[in-house]
Amino acid sequence: SGQVRGLCGTFNGDQRDDFTTPAGDVEPGVAAFANAFRAAGACPALRPGVPEPCDAFPGSRERAEAACALLMGPAFQ
């Protein structure tokens, strides 16, 4: 605890600094934070906003909802 920093956050109990970039800046949004760790040219930059994953994979919504139902069920409460 308190000794990590990166895409998984800072693990120090303070969620306000979990989006700390390698340069030490704290980004307010997911896209800017993820883009700070992106290798130049390796993949396209994320746009602001949270993409709807089911739009990219038509027909997967039912399978995803079934999988999430297990995680939200009594076994994990």
N, C-alpha and C. Protein backbone atom coordinates (compact mmCIF):
# COMPACT_ATOMS: atom_id res chain seq x y z
N SER A 1 0.83 -1.18 0.00
CA SER A 1 0.00 0.00 0.00
C SER A 1 0.88 1.25 0.00
N GLY A 2 0.52 2.20 -0.85
CA GLY A 2 1.27 3.45 -0.91
C GLY A 2 2.58 3.36 -1.67
N GLN A 3 2.87 2.21 -2.28
CA GLN A 3 4.15 2.04 -2.98
C GLN A 3 3.98 1.79 -4.47
N VAL A 4 2.76 1.90 -4.98
CA VAL A 4 2.53 1.66 -6.40
C VAL A 4 1.93 2.90 -7.05
N ARG A 5 2.08 2.96 -8.38
CA ARG A 5 1.48 4.03 -9.15
C ARG A 5 1.41 3.55 -10.59
N GLY A 6 0.31 3.81 -11.26
CA GLY A 6 0.18 3.40 -12.65
C GLY A 6 -1.27 3.22 -13.03
N LEU A 7 -1.49 2.36 -14.03
CA LEU A 7 -2.85 2.15 -14.53
C LEU A 7 -3.78 1.57 -13.48
N CYS A 8 -3.26 0.93 -12.47
CA CYS A 8 -4.09 0.36 -11.41
C CYS A 8 -4.29 1.32 -10.25
N GLY A 9 -3.83 2.55 -10.36
CA GLY A 9 -4.02 3.54 -9.30
C GLY A 9 -2.83 3.61 -8.37
N THR A 10 -3.03 4.30 -7.26
CA THR A 10 -1.95 4.51 -6.29
C THR A 10 -2.04 3.60 -5.08
N PHE A 11 -3.21 3.00 -4.85
CA PHE A 11 -3.42 2.08 -3.73
C PHE A 11 -2.97 2.69 -2.41
N ASN A 12 -3.39 3.95 -2.18
CA ASN A 12 -3.05 4.61 -0.93
C ASN A 12 -4.30 5.02 -0.14
N GLY A 13 -5.47 4.58 -0.59
CA GLY A 13 -6.71 4.91 0.10
C GLY A 13 -7.32 6.23 -0.31
N ASP A 14 -6.67 6.97 -1.17
CA ASP A 14 -7.17 8.27 -1.63
C ASP A 14 -7.50 8.18 -3.11
N GLN A 15 -8.78 8.04 -3.44
CA GLN A 15 -9.17 7.87 -4.84
C GLN A 15 -8.94 9.12 -5.67
N ARG A 16 -8.74 10.27 -5.04
CA ARG A 16 -8.55 11.51 -5.79
C ARG A 16 -7.25 11.51 -6.59
N ASP A 17 -6.27 10.69 -6.22
CA ASP A 17 -5.00 10.69 -6.96
C ASP A 17 -4.77 9.38 -7.73
N ASP A 18 -5.81 8.59 -7.91
CA ASP A 18 -5.65 7.32 -8.63
C ASP A 18 -5.32 7.53 -10.10
N PHE A 19 -5.68 8.66 -10.69
CA PHE A 19 -5.40 8.93 -12.10
C PHE A 19 -4.12 9.74 -12.26
N THR A 20 -3.10 9.43 -11.47
CA THR A 20 -1.81 10.11 -11.57
C THR A 20 -1.04 9.56 -12.76
N THR A 21 -0.60 10.44 -13.64
CA THR A 21 0.11 10.05 -14.86
C THR A 21 1.60 9.83 -14.55
N PRO A 22 2.34 9.26 -15.50
CA PRO A 22 3.78 9.10 -15.29
C PRO A 22 4.49 10.44 -15.05
N ALA A 23 3.93 11.54 -15.56
CA ALA A 23 4.53 12.86 -15.36
C ALA A 23 4.17 13.46 -14.00
N GLY A 24 3.29 12.78 -13.25
CA GLY A 24 2.90 13.27 -11.93
C GLY A 24 1.64 14.12 -11.92
N ASP A 25 1.02 14.33 -13.09
CA ASP A 25 -0.23 15.08 -13.16
C ASP A 25 -1.38 14.17 -12.76
N VAL A 26 -2.44 14.76 -12.20
CA VAL A 26 -3.64 13.99 -11.90
C VAL A 26 -4.70 14.37 -12.93
N GLU A 27 -5.08 13.40 -13.76
CA GLU A 27 -6.06 13.65 -14.82
C GLU A 27 -7.47 13.47 -14.27
N PRO A 28 -8.40 14.31 -14.73
CA PRO A 28 -9.78 14.20 -14.25
C PRO A 28 -10.59 13.11 -14.95
N GLY A 29 -10.15 12.67 -16.13
CA GLY A 29 -10.94 11.71 -16.89
C GLY A 29 -10.16 10.47 -17.28
N VAL A 30 -10.90 9.41 -17.58
CA VAL A 30 -10.30 8.13 -17.92
C VAL A 30 -9.49 8.20 -19.21
N ALA A 31 -10.03 8.85 -20.24
CA ALA A 31 -9.35 8.87 -21.54
C ALA A 31 -7.99 9.56 -21.46
N ALA A 32 -7.94 10.73 -20.84
CA ALA A 32 -6.67 11.45 -20.73
C ALA A 32 -5.67 10.66 -19.89
N PHE A 33 -6.16 10.00 -18.84
CA PHE A 33 -5.28 9.19 -17.99
C PHE A 33 -4.71 8.02 -18.78
N ALA A 34 -5.56 7.28 -19.47
CA ALA A 34 -5.10 6.12 -20.25
C ALA A 34 -4.16 6.55 -21.36
N ASN A 35 -4.45 7.67 -22.02
CA ASN A 35 -3.59 8.15 -23.10
C ASN A 35 -2.20 8.53 -22.59
N ALA A 36 -2.07 8.90 -21.33
CA ALA A 36 -0.77 9.25 -20.76
C ALA A 36 0.15 8.04 -20.70
N PHE A 37 -0.42 6.83 -20.68
CA PHE A 37 0.37 5.60 -20.62
C PHE A 37 0.53 4.96 -21.98
N ARG A 38 -0.09 5.52 -23.00
CA ARG A 38 -0.08 4.94 -24.35
C ARG A 38 1.29 5.10 -24.99
N ALA A 39 1.79 4.03 -25.57
CA ALA A 39 3.04 4.09 -26.32
C ALA A 39 2.76 4.80 -27.64
N ALA A 40 3.55 5.77 -27.99
CA ALA A 40 3.33 6.56 -29.20
C ALA A 40 3.22 5.65 -30.42
N GLY A 41 2.12 5.78 -31.14
CA GLY A 41 1.93 5.03 -32.37
C GLY A 41 1.49 3.59 -32.18
N ALA A 42 1.45 3.10 -30.95
CA ALA A 42 1.09 1.71 -30.72
C ALA A 42 -0.40 1.44 -30.91
N CYS A 43 -1.20 2.42 -30.59
CA CYS A 43 -2.65 2.26 -30.73
C CYS A 43 -3.27 3.66 -30.78
N PRO A 44 -4.49 3.76 -31.29
CA PRO A 44 -5.11 5.09 -31.37
C PRO A 44 -5.42 5.64 -29.98
N ALA A 45 -5.38 6.94 -29.85
CA ALA A 45 -5.70 7.59 -28.59
C ALA A 45 -7.19 7.43 -28.28
N LEU A 46 -7.50 7.30 -27.01
CA LEU A 46 -8.89 7.23 -26.59
C LEU A 46 -9.52 8.61 -26.68
N ARG A 47 -10.78 8.64 -27.05
CA ARG A 47 -11.52 9.90 -27.07
C ARG A 47 -12.18 10.08 -25.71
N PRO A 48 -12.45 11.33 -25.32
CA PRO A 48 -13.16 11.55 -24.05
C PRO A 48 -14.52 10.85 -24.06
N GLY A 49 -14.96 10.47 -22.91
CA GLY A 49 -16.23 9.77 -22.78
C GLY A 49 -15.99 8.28 -22.67
N VAL A 50 -16.95 7.60 -22.13
CA VAL A 50 -16.85 6.15 -21.97
C VAL A 50 -17.57 5.48 -23.12
N PRO A 51 -16.86 4.70 -23.94
CA PRO A 51 -17.50 4.05 -25.07
C PRO A 51 -18.45 2.95 -24.59
N GLU A 52 -19.48 2.71 -25.34
CA GLU A 52 -20.42 1.63 -25.05
C GLU A 52 -19.85 0.35 -25.65
N PRO A 53 -19.38 -0.59 -24.83
CA PRO A 53 -18.72 -1.79 -25.37
C PRO A 53 -19.64 -2.63 -26.24
N CYS A 54 -20.92 -2.63 -25.98
CA CYS A 54 -21.83 -3.45 -26.78
C CYS A 54 -21.99 -2.91 -28.20
N ASP A 55 -21.69 -1.63 -28.42
CA ASP A 55 -21.75 -1.08 -29.77
C ASP A 55 -20.66 -1.68 -30.65
N ALA A 56 -19.52 -1.99 -30.04
CA ALA A 56 -18.40 -2.54 -30.79
C ALA A 56 -18.56 -4.03 -31.07
N PHE A 57 -19.34 -4.71 -30.26
CA PHE A 57 -19.51 -6.16 -30.38
C PHE A 57 -21.00 -6.51 -30.38
N PRO A 58 -21.67 -6.29 -31.50
CA PRO A 58 -23.12 -6.60 -31.56
C PRO A 58 -23.40 -8.05 -31.19
N GLY A 59 -24.46 -8.25 -30.45
CA GLY A 59 -24.83 -9.61 -30.05
C GLY A 59 -24.18 -10.08 -28.78
N SER A 60 -23.29 -9.29 -28.21
CA SER A 60 -22.59 -9.72 -26.99
C SER A 60 -23.27 -9.25 -25.71
N ARG A 61 -24.26 -8.38 -25.85
CA ARG A 61 -24.90 -7.81 -24.65
C ARG A 61 -25.47 -8.92 -23.75
N GLU A 62 -26.17 -9.88 -24.33
CA GLU A 62 -26.80 -10.94 -23.53
C GLU A 62 -25.74 -11.76 -22.79
N ARG A 63 -24.65 -12.10 -23.47
CA ARG A 63 -23.58 -12.87 -22.83
C ARG A 63 -22.92 -12.07 -21.71
N ALA A 64 -22.72 -10.78 -21.94
CA ALA A 64 -22.12 -9.92 -20.92
C ALA A 64 -23.04 -9.77 -19.72
N GLU A 65 -24.33 -9.59 -19.96
CA GLU A 65 -25.27 -9.45 -18.85
C GLU A 65 -25.34 -10.73 -18.03
N ALA A 66 -25.27 -11.89 -18.68
CA ALA A 66 -25.28 -13.16 -17.95
C ALA A 66 -24.02 -13.31 -17.09
N ALA A 67 -22.88 -12.91 -17.63
CA ALA A 67 -21.62 -13.00 -16.87
C ALA A 67 -21.65 -12.03 -15.69
N CYS A 68 -22.15 -10.83 -15.91
CA CYS A 68 -22.22 -9.85 -14.83
C CYS A 68 -23.22 -10.26 -13.75
N ALA A 69 -24.26 -10.95 -14.15
CA ALA A 69 -25.25 -11.41 -13.18
C ALA A 69 -24.59 -12.34 -12.15
N LEU A 70 -23.64 -13.16 -12.61
CA LEU A 70 -22.92 -14.02 -11.67
C LEU A 70 -22.12 -13.19 -10.67
N LEU A 71 -21.45 -12.16 -11.15
CA LEU A 71 -20.63 -11.32 -10.28
C LEU A 71 -21.48 -10.50 -9.31
N MET A 72 -22.68 -10.15 -9.74
CA MET A 72 -23.55 -9.35 -8.89
C MET A 72 -24.44 -10.22 -8.00
N GLY A 73 -24.35 -11.53 -8.16
CA GLY A 73 -25.19 -12.48 -7.42
C GLY A 73 -24.71 -12.72 -6.01
N PRO A 74 -25.42 -13.59 -5.31
CA PRO A 74 -25.14 -13.84 -3.87
C PRO A 74 -23.75 -14.43 -3.61
N ALA A 75 -23.16 -15.14 -4.56
CA ALA A 75 -21.84 -15.72 -4.33
C ALA A 75 -20.77 -14.67 -4.06
N PHE A 76 -20.95 -13.44 -4.59
CA PHE A 76 -19.94 -12.41 -4.44
C PHE A 76 -20.38 -11.26 -3.56
N GLN A 77 -21.43 -11.44 -2.78
CA GLN A 77 -21.90 -10.36 -1.90
C GLN A 77 -21.22 -10.41 -0.57
